[in-house]
Protein backbone atom coordinates (compact mmCIF):
# COMPACT_ATOMS: atom_id res chain seq x y z
CA MET A 1 -47.03 -40.21 33.26
CA MET A 2 -46.51 -41.58 36.54
CA ASN A 3 -46.79 -44.91 37.92
CA ILE A 4 -49.48 -45.75 40.08
CA SER A 5 -50.38 -49.37 41.56
CA LYS A 6 -51.86 -51.83 39.27
CA LYS A 7 -52.38 -55.24 38.83
CA PRO A 8 -49.59 -57.06 36.92
CA ASP A 9 -49.89 -58.66 33.23
CA TYR A 10 -48.84 -62.22 34.72
CA ASN A 11 -49.76 -64.73 37.55
CA VAL A 12 -47.58 -67.20 39.02
CA ALA A 13 -49.94 -69.79 40.26
CA ARG A 14 -49.46 -71.21 43.92
CA GLY A 15 -46.96 -74.29 43.72
CA THR A 16 -44.86 -72.62 40.65
CA VAL A 17 -41.31 -73.40 41.22
CA ILE A 18 -39.29 -70.34 40.50
CA LYS A 19 -35.66 -71.39 39.78
CA GLY A 20 -32.93 -68.61 39.38
CA LYS A 21 -31.14 -68.63 35.95
CA TRP A 22 -27.71 -67.75 37.75
CA HIS A 23 -27.79 -68.64 41.26
CA HIS A 24 -29.68 -71.68 40.49
CA HIS A 25 -31.71 -71.27 43.70
CA ALA A 26 -35.45 -72.48 43.92
CA TYR A 27 -38.43 -71.00 45.48
CA THR A 28 -41.99 -72.64 45.56
CA VAL A 29 -44.62 -69.91 45.48
CA HIS A 30 -47.24 -70.01 48.24
CA LYS A 31 -49.39 -67.10 47.62
CA THR A 32 -49.24 -63.90 46.67
CA LEU A 33 -48.52 -60.99 49.27
CA GLY A 34 -49.28 -57.89 47.29
CA TYR A 35 -48.67 -56.28 43.99
CA GLY A 36 -47.59 -52.50 42.94
CA ALA A 37 -46.44 -50.78 39.66
CA THR A 38 -43.07 -52.49 39.33
CA GLY A 39 -44.26 -55.98 39.84
CA THR A 40 -45.90 -58.85 42.32
CA VAL A 41 -44.71 -59.89 45.72
CA TYR A 42 -45.29 -63.51 46.72
CA LEU A 43 -44.67 -65.56 49.75
CA ALA A 44 -42.23 -68.26 48.68
CA GLU A 45 -40.61 -71.18 50.17
CA GLY A 46 -36.32 -71.70 49.88
CA LYS A 47 -34.06 -73.81 51.07
CA GLU A 48 -33.46 -71.31 54.00
CA GLY A 49 -37.61 -71.20 54.73
CA LEU A 50 -40.00 -68.67 53.80
CA VAL A 51 -39.14 -65.76 51.89
CA ALA A 52 -41.10 -62.78 50.03
CA LEU A 53 -39.93 -62.57 46.24
CA LYS A 54 -40.70 -59.96 44.14
CA ILE A 55 -41.12 -60.44 40.05
CA SER A 56 -41.11 -57.94 37.56
CA ASP A 57 -40.33 -57.45 33.84
CA ASP A 58 -38.65 -54.22 34.24
CA SER A 59 -35.12 -55.03 34.90
CA MET A 60 -34.51 -51.36 35.62
CA ALA A 61 -37.14 -51.34 38.38
CA ILE A 62 -35.60 -54.31 40.00
CA THR A 63 -32.11 -52.84 39.96
CA SER A 64 -33.46 -50.01 41.48
CA GLU A 65 -34.90 -51.20 44.23
CA VAL A 66 -32.31 -53.85 44.74
CA ASN A 67 -29.90 -50.95 45.02
CA VAL A 68 -32.19 -49.46 47.49
CA LEU A 69 -32.22 -52.35 49.63
CA ARG A 70 -28.58 -52.56 49.47
CA HIS A 71 -28.32 -49.12 50.98
CA PHE A 72 -30.65 -49.78 53.51
CA SER A 73 -28.53 -52.48 54.74
CA LYS A 74 -25.91 -50.09 55.44
CA VAL A 75 -28.10 -47.75 57.59
CA GLN A 76 -28.40 -48.31 61.24
CA GLY A 77 -31.77 -49.37 62.14
CA CYS A 78 -34.14 -52.03 60.53
CA LEU A 79 -35.61 -49.67 57.38
CA GLY A 80 -36.65 -52.51 55.21
CA PRO A 81 -36.39 -56.28 54.69
CA SER A 82 -33.10 -57.90 54.12
CA LEU A 83 -32.08 -58.66 50.86
CA LEU A 84 -31.32 -62.02 50.24
CA ASP A 85 -31.07 -63.15 46.55
CA VAL A 86 -30.91 -61.67 43.05
CA ASP A 87 -31.68 -63.32 39.62
CA ASP A 88 -33.68 -63.95 36.70
CA TRP A 89 -36.22 -66.37 35.74
CA VAL A 90 -38.08 -67.49 32.52
CA PHE A 91 -41.82 -67.11 33.09
CA PRO A 92 -43.40 -70.40 31.14
CA GLY A 93 -45.03 -70.24 28.09
CA GLN A 94 -43.92 -66.71 27.31
CA GLY A 95 -40.35 -67.52 26.64
CA LYS A 96 -38.94 -64.21 28.33
CA ALA A 97 -37.15 -63.60 31.50
CA LEU A 98 -38.64 -62.26 34.57
CA HIS A 99 -36.25 -60.47 37.06
CA PHE A 100 -36.96 -60.95 40.63
CA TYR A 101 -35.23 -60.75 44.01
CA VAL A 102 -35.76 -62.13 47.41
CA MET A 103 -35.80 -60.81 50.72
CA GLU A 104 -36.58 -61.75 54.29
CA TYR A 105 -40.10 -62.66 54.97
CA LEU A 106 -41.52 -60.22 57.91
CA LYS A 107 -44.29 -61.96 59.54
CA GLY A 108 -47.08 -60.05 61.19
CA ASP A 109 -50.12 -57.81 60.89
CA ASP A 110 -50.70 -54.98 58.00
CA PHE A 111 -50.86 -51.83 59.47
CA LEU A 112 -54.69 -51.36 59.54
CA SER A 113 -55.54 -54.61 60.73
CA PHE A 114 -53.20 -54.54 63.91
CA ILE A 115 -54.83 -51.30 64.85
CA ASN A 116 -58.16 -52.59 64.54
CA LYS A 117 -57.38 -55.87 66.48
CA ASN A 118 -55.49 -53.98 69.11
CA GLY A 119 -56.96 -50.56 69.53
CA ASP A 120 -57.06 -46.65 68.22
CA GLU A 121 -54.13 -46.24 70.97
CA TRP A 122 -51.53 -47.91 68.89
CA LEU A 123 -52.20 -45.44 65.83
CA SER A 124 -49.76 -42.93 67.68
CA VAL A 125 -47.23 -45.39 68.65
CA LEU A 126 -46.87 -46.84 65.42
CA VAL A 127 -46.75 -43.63 63.39
CA LEU A 128 -44.34 -42.24 65.94
CA GLN A 129 -41.86 -45.49 64.92
CA LEU A 130 -42.74 -44.60 61.14
CA LEU A 131 -41.61 -40.80 61.51
CA SER A 132 -38.37 -42.02 63.27
CA ASP A 133 -37.73 -44.21 60.23
CA LEU A 134 -38.41 -41.79 57.74
CA ASP A 135 -36.54 -39.33 59.34
CA ARG A 136 -33.49 -41.59 59.20
CA LEU A 137 -34.17 -42.36 55.42
CA HIS A 138 -34.42 -38.61 54.57
CA GLU A 139 -31.18 -38.07 55.97
CA GLU A 140 -29.81 -40.65 53.73
CA GLY A 141 -31.22 -38.46 50.83
CA TRP A 142 -34.27 -40.83 49.89
CA VAL A 143 -38.05 -40.62 49.77
CA PHE A 144 -40.10 -43.50 50.31
CA GLY A 145 -42.80 -42.02 47.74
CA ASP A 146 -45.46 -44.89 47.69
CA LEU A 147 -46.40 -44.68 51.48
CA LYS A 148 -49.20 -46.59 52.25
CA PRO A 149 -50.55 -48.83 55.08
CA ASP A 150 -50.05 -51.69 52.19
CA ASN A 151 -46.60 -51.17 52.43
CA LEU A 152 -46.09 -51.52 56.30
CA LEU A 153 -46.12 -54.41 58.59
CA VAL A 154 -46.54 -54.55 62.10
CA VAL A 155 -44.22 -57.50 63.50
CA GLY A 156 -43.21 -58.49 67.15
CA PRO A 157 -43.25 -58.72 70.16
CA PRO A 158 -42.12 -55.87 70.77
CA SER A 159 -44.66 -54.41 68.16
CA ARG A 160 -42.44 -52.50 65.67
CA VAL A 161 -43.35 -51.28 62.14
CA ARG A 162 -41.58 -52.61 59.29
CA TRP A 163 -41.36 -51.53 55.65
CA LEU A 164 -42.31 -53.94 52.97
CA ASP A 165 -41.95 -52.66 49.25
CA VAL A 166 -39.35 -50.02 48.51
CA GLY A 167 -40.75 -50.07 44.79
CA GLY A 168 -41.34 -46.12 45.15
CA THR A 169 -38.43 -45.30 46.93
CA THR A 170 -36.76 -42.17 45.01
CA MET A 171 -33.62 -40.09 45.72
CA LYS A 172 -34.50 -36.18 47.05
CA GLY A 173 -35.02 -34.05 44.37
CA ARG A 174 -36.72 -36.25 41.44
CA SER A 175 -40.11 -37.05 40.60
CA ILE A 176 -41.97 -39.59 42.60
CA LYS A 177 -42.01 -42.77 40.35
CA GLU A 178 -44.45 -44.89 42.04
CA PHE A 179 -47.74 -43.58 43.94
CA THR A 180 -51.02 -44.56 45.32
CA GLU A 181 -53.92 -41.96 44.88
CA PHE A 182 -55.39 -41.80 48.31
CA PHE A 183 -51.86 -41.21 49.84
CA ASP A 184 -50.69 -38.67 46.90
CA ARG A 185 -50.69 -35.20 47.58
CA GLY A 186 -50.67 -34.70 43.90
CA TYR A 187 -54.26 -36.07 43.66
CA TRP A 188 -55.52 -34.16 46.54
CA GLY A 189 -54.29 -31.17 44.93
CA MET A 190 -51.87 -30.38 47.72
CA GLY A 191 -48.42 -30.05 46.25
CA SER A 192 -46.35 -31.55 43.70
CA ARG A 193 -44.72 -35.12 43.16
CA LYS A 194 -41.59 -33.83 43.88
CA ALA A 195 -39.40 -36.04 46.06
CA GLU A 196 -39.01 -34.36 49.09
CA PRO A 197 -39.54 -35.20 53.06
CA SER A 198 -43.26 -33.18 52.98
CA TYR A 199 -44.43 -35.51 50.30
CA ASP A 200 -43.86 -38.53 52.84
CA LEU A 201 -45.59 -36.79 55.61
CA PHE A 202 -48.20 -35.90 53.59
CA ALA A 203 -48.83 -39.56 53.31
CA VAL A 204 -48.07 -39.94 56.64
CA ALA A 205 -51.40 -37.85 57.66
CA MET A 206 -53.45 -39.65 55.30
CA ILE A 207 -52.46 -43.21 56.53
CA MET A 208 -53.54 -41.64 59.94
CA ILE A 209 -56.79 -40.77 58.39
CA ASN A 210 -57.47 -44.06 56.36
CA SER A 211 -57.32 -45.82 60.06
CA ALA A 212 -60.49 -43.86 60.56
CA PHE A 213 -61.65 -44.50 57.32
CA PRO A 214 -60.56 -48.10 55.92
CA HIS A 215 -62.81 -48.16 52.75
CA ARG A 216 -60.92 -44.48 52.09
CA PHE A 217 -62.90 -42.00 50.17
CA SER A 218 -62.43 -40.12 46.47
CA LYS A 219 -61.88 -36.54 46.24
CA LYS A 220 -65.07 -34.40 45.13
CA GLY A 221 -64.44 -33.16 41.54
CA GLU A 222 -61.14 -33.13 39.50
CA LEU A 223 -60.26 -29.64 39.68
CA GLY A 224 -59.03 -27.36 42.93
CA ASN A 225 -57.55 -27.68 45.97
CA HIS A 226 -59.67 -30.50 48.17
CA PHE A 227 -58.18 -29.19 51.87
CA GLN A 228 -61.47 -28.69 53.14
CA GLU A 229 -62.46 -31.93 52.29
CA LEU A 230 -59.36 -33.61 54.53
CA VAL A 231 -59.99 -31.23 57.49
CA LYS A 232 -63.57 -32.58 57.45
CA ALA A 233 -62.87 -35.94 57.56
CA VAL A 234 -60.38 -35.20 60.59
CA GLN A 235 -62.81 -33.21 62.32
CA THR A 236 -65.61 -35.97 62.06
CA ALA A 237 -63.40 -39.01 63.25
CA PRO A 238 -63.15 -38.92 67.23
CA THR A 239 -59.65 -40.94 67.05
CA LEU A 240 -58.36 -38.14 64.52
CA ARG A 241 -59.46 -35.13 66.31
CA LYS A 242 -57.40 -34.95 69.04
CA TYR A 243 -54.38 -35.20 66.56
CA GLU A 244 -56.16 -32.42 64.38
CA ARG A 245 -53.29 -30.02 64.48
CA VAL A 246 -50.45 -32.31 63.42
CA ILE A 247 -52.47 -33.93 60.59
CA ILE A 248 -53.80 -30.89 59.08
CA LYS A 249 -50.00 -29.20 59.23
CA ALA A 250 -48.40 -32.19 57.51
CA ILE A 251 -51.38 -32.29 54.91
CA GLN A 252 -50.42 -28.38 54.17
CA GLY A 253 -46.93 -29.38 53.79
CA ARG A 254 -45.49 -27.35 56.90
CA TYR A 255 -43.08 -29.96 58.39
CA PRO A 256 -39.68 -29.35 57.15
CA SER A 257 -38.62 -32.70 58.64
CA ALA A 258 -40.33 -35.97 60.03
CA GLN A 259 -38.63 -35.20 63.27
CA GLU A 260 -40.52 -31.76 63.70
CA MET A 261 -43.64 -33.68 63.21
CA ARG A 262 -42.71 -36.56 65.68
CA GLN A 263 -41.90 -34.11 68.28
CA GLU A 264 -45.12 -32.33 67.78
CA LEU A 265 -47.12 -35.43 67.68
CA ILE A 266 -45.11 -36.53 71.21
CA GLU A 267 -46.15 -32.78 72.49
CA THR A 268 -49.72 -33.63 71.51
CA ILE A 269 -49.91 -36.85 73.01
CA SER A 270 -48.13 -35.76 76.33
CA SER A 271 -50.67 -32.87 76.54
CA GLN A 272 -53.65 -35.37 76.17
CA ILE A 273 -52.27 -37.49 78.87
CA LYS A 274 -52.05 -34.87 81.41
CA GLN A 275 -55.81 -33.48 80.81
CA SER A 276 -57.00 -37.18 80.79
CA LYS A 277 -54.87 -37.99 84.29
CA PRO A 278 -57.56 -39.11 87.00
CA VAL A 279 -57.23 -36.88 89.93
CA ASN A 280 -55.31 -38.75 92.83
CA GLN A 281 -57.39 -39.47 95.75
CA SER A 282 -54.35 -39.74 98.11
CA THR A 283 -53.15 -36.68 96.70
CA THR A 284 -56.70 -34.83 97.35
CA LYS A 285 -57.02 -36.05 100.87
CA THR A 286 -53.89 -34.68 101.72
CA ASN A 287 -54.24 -31.41 100.30
CA SER A 288 -57.86 -31.49 101.93
CA LYS A 289 -56.10 -31.83 105.03
CA SER A 290 -53.67 -29.21 104.56
CA ILE A 291 -56.49 -26.58 104.46
CA PRO A 292 -57.30 -25.32 107.72
CA THR A 293 -61.43 -25.24 108.27
CA THR A 294 -62.82 -23.58 111.69
CA LYS A 295 -63.07 -27.34 113.42
CA THR A 296 -59.49 -28.03 112.42
CA LEU A 297 -58.68 -24.82 113.99
CA LYS A 298 -60.66 -25.21 117.19
CA ASN A 299 -58.98 -28.45 117.54
CA ALA A 300 -55.41 -27.31 117.15
CA ARG A 301 -55.97 -24.45 119.61
CA GLN A 302 -57.50 -27.01 122.19
CA MET A 303 -54.44 -29.03 121.82
CA LYS A 304 -52.25 -26.23 122.05
CA ARG A 305 -53.68 -25.30 125.52
CA LYS A 306 -53.03 -29.00 126.68
CA ALA A 307 -49.77 -29.03 125.60
CA ASP A 308 -48.72 -25.65 127.21
CA ARG A 309 -50.33 -26.76 130.57
CA ARG A 310 -48.17 -30.05 130.39
CA ASN A 311 -45.34 -28.03 129.43
CA ARG A 312 -45.84 -25.74 132.59
CA PHE A 313 -46.37 -28.44 134.98
CA ARG A 314 -43.24 -30.38 133.54
CA GLY A 315 -41.31 -26.94 134.19
CA VAL A 316 -42.50 -26.61 137.64
CA PHE A 317 -41.93 -30.13 138.76
CA GLU A 318 -38.61 -30.06 137.39
CA THR A 319 -38.06 -26.75 139.21
CA PHE A 320 -39.12 -28.59 142.38
CA LEU A 321 -36.82 -31.26 142.02
CA ILE A 322 -33.98 -29.55 141.32
CA ALA A 323 -34.63 -27.56 144.69
CA VAL A 324 -35.17 -30.48 146.57
CA PHE A 325 -31.56 -31.58 145.36
CA LEU A 326 -29.91 -28.42 146.18
CA LEU A 327 -31.45 -28.58 149.83
CA ILE A 328 -30.51 -31.94 150.57
CA ALA A 329 -26.69 -31.18 149.28
CA TYR A 330 -26.66 -28.22 151.39
CA PHE A 331 -27.64 -29.91 154.47
CA LEU A 332 -25.17 -32.53 153.75
CA TYR A 333 -22.76 -29.93 153.37
CA ILE A 334 -23.61 -28.24 156.71
CA ALA A 335 -23.32 -31.86 158.33
CA GLY A 336 -20.19 -32.41 157.16
CA HIS A 337 -18.33 -29.08 158.72
CA MET A 338 -19.91 -29.62 162.19
CA MET A 339 -18.63 -33.16 162.85
């Protein structure tokens, strides 16, 4: 049975001080930032300022996520938050140790809120960034797994997508260990839960659909392929129709890599920009002048006749001057020999 996001069995109240058993660093909890199958992430404050602190009773899960974050830190680019601390904490009243790690706190807007606030045109910009990051992740042999807007934050300026929770990150070839139904192709009957690039790219397509349907929707019935339901959703939303080809191909698992999906999305955007580009009035005016009309041709012929007359007159006048000059020179020559 695969893990899916759920609320934890415990809750850490605001104002609670979490002190590490081994490193003795203390963190005061401010509020809950989110939760997943492996634990809860809190906004906390430590000696160095605000941090994101994730707590879990699953030591294996914490160890796995810490290893992923450490690996990310070696990859070029900001794939995830920086890892700051790893320790244990005894939960009051239970007597058992909980495991936690502390990450860089990224301040910004969640993915859907940012688009709602700044406009639908940001959807393609953020998705292009996301696909670029996923391509680097896949090249390193990992699949994000539980990819959804809740795990994405837009920081800046300049506006940039960052990943929040790497709890679902899985090595290629293994079974996805954590997922959220709406973004899971297995839920929609569109493929397996094998960790491969196409699994993440299906989730990217569903994130785009989620931007147009913030409250999401459930599949109709439990059995069968629900492809047509997703196609209908895309064709129903004006903001998605222009990306229909890319979204549908991702849903069908027809992109072998994030880079290929990114390239086709760029081409789609470029094509739309060319089609929607307004006609340049100055260019139109210039072009219209270059098209010879009857009036234009008539004026041109009149101007040419005037120019020809001026040229003929200039030619006659120049000939006359030359003749006069030669005559004067001749008379001067004769007068000089007669003296």
